[in-house]
Amino acid sequence: MANTSLFLDEIIENASKDLNFNDIWIAGFSQEAYMALYYGLQHNKKITHIQAIAGNFHNSMMPANLETKNIWLHCGKKDPHISEEKMFF
């Protein structure tokens, strides 16, 4: 994930030189949803919107301040592999 984060940082920095961004979105499905959450919450402060579809999420990834983030978690009604106490809705 470190190499992917560095690659995404480079893409965002290069695009920011030529374009004026108000919002930067990152999205992913399944394992990429985990990457989107990791990168958007922990790594890059420029990310303003995160969309995670059918991905897993760990409480340890949640930063103390979410004021600058909009997060959408999409999954089925109930995942038999995750207890309801650990689900975020």
C-alpha atoms as a PDB file:
ATOM      1  CA  MET A   1       0.000   0.000   0.000  1.00  0.00           C
ATOM      2  CA  ALA A   2       2.947   2.320   0.546  1.00  0.00           C
ATOM      3  CA  ASN A   3       3.965   2.169  -3.127  1.00  0.00           C
ATOM      4  CA  THR A   4       0.390   2.758  -4.259  1.00  0.00           C
ATOM      5  CA  SER A   5       0.088   5.727  -1.898  1.00  0.00           C
ATOM      6  CA  LEU A   6       3.273   7.262  -3.294  1.00  0.00           C
ATOM      7  CA  PHE A   7       2.005   6.732  -6.846  1.00  0.00           C
ATOM      8  CA  LEU A   8      -1.345   8.382  -6.036  1.00  0.00           C
ATOM      9  CA  ASP A   9       0.451  11.291  -4.324  1.00  0.00           C
ATOM     10  CA  GLU A  10       2.473  11.856  -7.486  1.00  0.00           C
ATOM     11  CA  ILE A  11      -0.636  11.800  -9.699  1.00  0.00           C
ATOM     12  CA  ILE A  12      -2.462  14.285  -7.463  1.00  0.00           C
ATOM     13  CA  GLU A  13       0.539  16.609  -7.194  1.00  0.00           C
ATOM     14  CA  ASN A  14       1.131  16.606 -10.962  1.00  0.00           C
ATOM     15  CA  ALA A  15      -2.542  17.245 -11.733  1.00  0.00           C
ATOM     16  CA  SER A  16      -2.699  20.007  -9.096  1.00  0.00           C
ATOM     17  CA  LYS A  17      -0.011  21.974 -10.971  1.00  0.00           C
ATOM     18  CA  ASP A  18      -2.258  22.431 -14.008  1.00  0.00           C
ATOM     19  CA  LEU A  19      -5.777  22.243 -12.542  1.00  0.00           C
ATOM     20  CA  ASN A  20      -7.559  24.003  -9.709  1.00  0.00           C
ATOM     21  CA  PHE A  21      -9.279  21.371  -7.557  1.00  0.00           C
ATOM     22  CA  ASN A  22     -11.952  22.124  -4.977  1.00  0.00           C
ATOM     23  CA  ASP A  23     -12.687  18.475  -4.295  1.00  0.00           C
ATOM     24  CA  ILE A  24     -10.724  15.314  -4.859  1.00  0.00           C
ATOM     25  CA  TRP A  25     -12.596  12.012  -4.766  1.00  0.00           C
ATOM     26  CA  ILE A  26     -11.198   8.519  -4.366  1.00  0.00           C
ATOM     27  CA  ALA A  27     -13.296   5.382  -4.749  1.00  0.00           C
ATOM     28  CA  GLY A  28     -12.759   1.661  -4.729  1.00  0.00           C
ATOM     29  CA  PHE A  29     -14.520  -1.683  -4.800  1.00  0.00           C
ATOM     30  CA  SER A  30     -13.650  -4.591  -2.458  1.00  0.00           C
ATOM     31  CA  GLN A  31      -9.896  -4.555  -1.748  1.00  0.00           C
ATOM     32  CA  GLU A  32      -9.608  -1.223  -3.553  1.00  0.00           C
ATOM     33  CA  ALA A  33     -12.295   0.119  -1.185  1.00  0.00           C
ATOM     34  CA  TYR A  34      -9.926  -0.647   1.678  1.00  0.00           C
ATOM     35  CA  MET A  35      -7.164   1.178  -0.216  1.00  0.00           C
ATOM     36  CA  ALA A  36      -9.409   4.178  -0.842  1.00  0.00           C
ATOM     37  CA  LEU A  37     -10.275   4.348   2.857  1.00  0.00           C
ATOM     38  CA  TYR A  38      -6.651   3.912   3.928  1.00  0.00           C
ATOM     39  CA  TYR A  39      -5.343   6.494   1.494  1.00  0.00           C
ATOM     40  CA  GLY A  40      -8.132   9.018   1.970  1.00  0.00           C
ATOM     41  CA  LEU A  41      -8.302   8.818   5.764  1.00  0.00           C
ATOM     42  CA  GLN A  42      -4.717   8.235   6.760  1.00  0.00           C
ATOM     43  CA  HIS A  43      -2.461   9.362   3.981  1.00  0.00           C
ATOM     44  CA  ASN A  44      -3.557  12.251   1.794  1.00  0.00           C
ATOM     45  CA  LYS A  45      -5.131  15.326   3.342  1.00  0.00           C
ATOM     46  CA  LYS A  46      -6.185  16.669  -0.077  1.00  0.00           C
ATOM     47  CA  ILE A  47      -8.794  13.913  -0.507  1.00  0.00           C
ATOM     48  CA  THR A  48     -12.225  15.370   0.342  1.00  0.00           C
ATOM     49  CA  HIS A  49     -14.549  12.505  -0.671  1.00  0.00           C
ATOM     50  CA  ILE A  50     -14.128   8.762  -0.185  1.00  0.00           C
ATOM     51  CA  GLN A  51     -16.435   6.138  -1.639  1.00  0.00           C
ATOM     52  CA  ALA A  52     -15.897   2.537  -0.528  1.00  0.00           C
ATOM     53  CA  ILE A  53     -18.030  -0.158  -2.122  1.00  0.00           C
ATOM     54  CA  ALA A  54     -18.065  -3.647  -0.544  1.00  0.00           C
ATOM     55  CA  GLY A  55     -14.887  -3.004   1.410  1.00  0.00           C
ATOM     56  CA  ASN A  56     -13.716  -3.755   4.924  1.00  0.00           C
ATOM     57  CA  PHE A  57     -12.975  -1.026   7.432  1.00  0.00           C
ATOM     58  CA  HIS A  58     -10.984  -1.018  10.659  1.00  0.00           C
ATOM     59  CA  ASN A  59     -11.628   1.382  13.557  1.00  0.00           C
ATOM     60  CA  SER A  60      -7.891   2.050  13.772  1.00  0.00           C
ATOM     61  CA  MET A  61      -8.083   3.809  10.390  1.00  0.00           C
ATOM     62  CA  MET A  62     -10.483   6.482  11.677  1.00  0.00           C
ATOM     63  CA  PRO A  63      -8.672   9.792  12.256  1.00  0.00           C
ATOM     64  CA  ALA A  64      -9.667  12.031  15.144  1.00  0.00           C
ATOM     65  CA  ASN A  65     -10.872  14.843  12.855  1.00  0.00           C
ATOM     66  CA  LEU A  66     -13.232  14.065   9.971  1.00  0.00           C
ATOM     67  CA  GLU A  67     -14.450  17.621   9.307  1.00  0.00           C
ATOM     68  CA  THR A  68     -12.849  17.754   5.866  1.00  0.00           C
ATOM     69  CA  LYS A  69     -13.966  14.280   4.722  1.00  0.00           C
ATOM     70  CA  ASN A  70     -17.169  13.008   3.137  1.00  0.00           C
ATOM     71  CA  ILE A  71     -17.306   9.227   3.372  1.00  0.00           C
ATOM     72  CA  TRP A  72     -19.722   6.817   1.682  1.00  0.00           C
ATOM     73  CA  LEU A  73     -19.582   3.168   2.695  1.00  0.00           C
ATOM     74  CA  HIS A  74     -21.682   0.926   0.470  1.00  0.00           C
ATOM     75  CA  CYS A  75     -22.305  -2.704   1.295  1.00  0.00           C
ATOM     76  CA  GLY A  76     -25.121  -5.208   1.455  1.00  0.00           C
ATOM     77  CA  LYS A  77     -27.770  -5.196   4.132  1.00  0.00           C
ATOM     78  CA  LYS A  78     -25.760  -7.567   6.295  1.00  0.00           C
ATOM     79  CA  ASP A  79     -22.355  -9.145   5.875  1.00  0.00           C
ATOM     80  CA  PRO A  80     -22.218 -12.561   7.584  1.00  0.00           C
ATOM     81  CA  HIS A  81     -18.464 -12.131   8.147  1.00  0.00           C
ATOM     82  CA  ILE A  82     -18.715  -8.886  10.150  1.00  0.00           C
ATOM     83  CA  SER A  83     -20.570  -8.592  13.442  1.00  0.00           C
ATOM     84  CA  GLU A  84     -23.161  -5.812  13.630  1.00  0.00           C
ATOM     85  CA  GLU A  85     -21.228  -4.104  16.452  1.00  0.00           C
ATOM     86  CA  LYS A  86     -18.329  -3.507  14.071  1.00  0.00           C
ATOM     87  CA  MET A  87     -20.360  -2.134  11.150  1.00  0.00           C
ATOM     88  CA  PHE A  88     -20.536   1.588  10.416  1.00  0.00           C
ATOM     89  CA  PHE A  89     -23.643   3.026   8.786  1.00  0.00           C
END
